Amino acid sequence: MSDRISTLHEGETSYSISDLPSSKVAIPSLDIYYQRNLKNKQTIYVDAVGSYLDSKNKRPFVQKTPG
């Protein structure tokens, strides 16, 4: 997506056009790791991972005739 501000000419009429998209993404995460060594060369591993996805997208498009 990219910004656009332009003028469209159609016959005797002109239109002012603006297309101004924006986006924002946040992906925080948390990783918890636990290790426990046991007897007889045994080991317990626990790994818990949590994440959250938040995205916001906007795309305002305006077309108007001057006057």
Protein backbone atom coordinates (compact mmCIF):
# COMPACT_ATOMS: atom_id res chain seq x y z
CA MET A 1 0.00 0.00 0.00
CA SER A 2 1.18 3.50 -0.70
CA ASP A 3 -0.16 7.03 -0.25
CA ARG A 4 -1.83 8.76 -3.17
CA ILE A 5 -3.04 12.35 -3.53
CA SER A 6 -4.07 13.16 -7.08
CA THR A 7 -6.56 14.90 -9.34
CA LEU A 8 -8.77 13.03 -11.81
CA HIS A 9 -10.04 14.95 -14.83
CA GLU A 10 -13.16 13.56 -16.47
CA GLY A 11 -14.49 15.82 -19.20
CA GLU A 12 -15.23 19.22 -17.64
CA THR A 13 -15.21 17.82 -14.08
CA SER A 14 -12.15 17.42 -11.86
CA TYR A 15 -12.06 15.18 -8.79
CA SER A 16 -9.63 15.47 -5.88
CA ILE A 17 -8.61 11.99 -4.71
CA SER A 18 -6.74 10.99 -1.55
CA ASP A 19 -5.92 7.42 -0.61
CA LEU A 20 -3.85 7.32 2.61
CA PRO A 21 -3.48 3.75 3.93
CA SER A 22 -1.74 2.90 7.21
CA SER A 23 -1.16 -0.27 9.22
CA LYS A 24 0.24 -1.18 12.63
CA VAL A 25 1.13 -4.66 13.89
CA ALA A 26 2.14 -5.69 17.43
CA ILE A 27 3.18 -9.26 18.28
CA PRO A 28 4.36 -9.50 21.90
CA SER A 29 5.36 -12.96 23.15
CA LEU A 30 6.45 -14.64 26.37
CA ASP A 31 8.55 -17.83 26.60
CA ILE A 32 8.91 -19.61 29.98
CA TYR A 33 11.41 -22.44 30.23
CA TYR A 34 11.91 -24.83 33.18
CA GLN A 35 14.45 -27.63 33.59
CA ARG A 36 14.70 -30.09 36.45
CA ASN A 37 17.49 -32.65 36.78
CA LEU A 38 16.39 -35.92 38.41
CA LYS A 39 18.18 -39.03 39.65
CA ASN A 40 19.63 -41.61 37.26
CA LYS A 41 20.53 -39.09 34.53
CA GLN A 42 16.88 -38.13 33.95
CA THR A 43 15.75 -34.62 33.16
CA ILE A 44 12.35 -32.90 32.85
CA TYR A 45 12.00 -29.99 30.42
CA VAL A 46 8.93 -27.73 30.26
CA ASP A 47 8.60 -24.88 27.77
CA ALA A 48 5.47 -22.70 27.59
CA VAL A 49 5.10 -20.07 24.86
CA GLY A 50 2.34 -17.48 24.59
CA SER A 51 1.86 -14.79 21.99
CA TYR A 52 -0.73 -12.18 21.04
CA LEU A 53 -1.32 -10.67 17.62
CA ASP A 54 -2.86 -7.21 17.27
CA SER A 55 -3.15 -5.48 13.92
CA LYS A 56 -4.85 -2.29 12.85
CA ASN A 57 -5.33 -1.34 9.22
CA LYS A 58 -6.90 1.85 7.87
CA ARG A 59 -7.51 2.84 4.28
CA PRO A 60 -9.51 6.08 4.00
CA PHE A 61 -10.39 6.90 0.39
CA VAL A 62 -11.96 10.28 -0.45
CA GLN A 63 -13.14 11.48 -3.84
CA LYS A 64 -14.73 14.91 -4.10
CA THR A 65 -15.44 17.60 -6.63
CA PRO A 66 -13.99 21.02 -5.91
CA GLY A 67 -16.51 23.71 -5.40
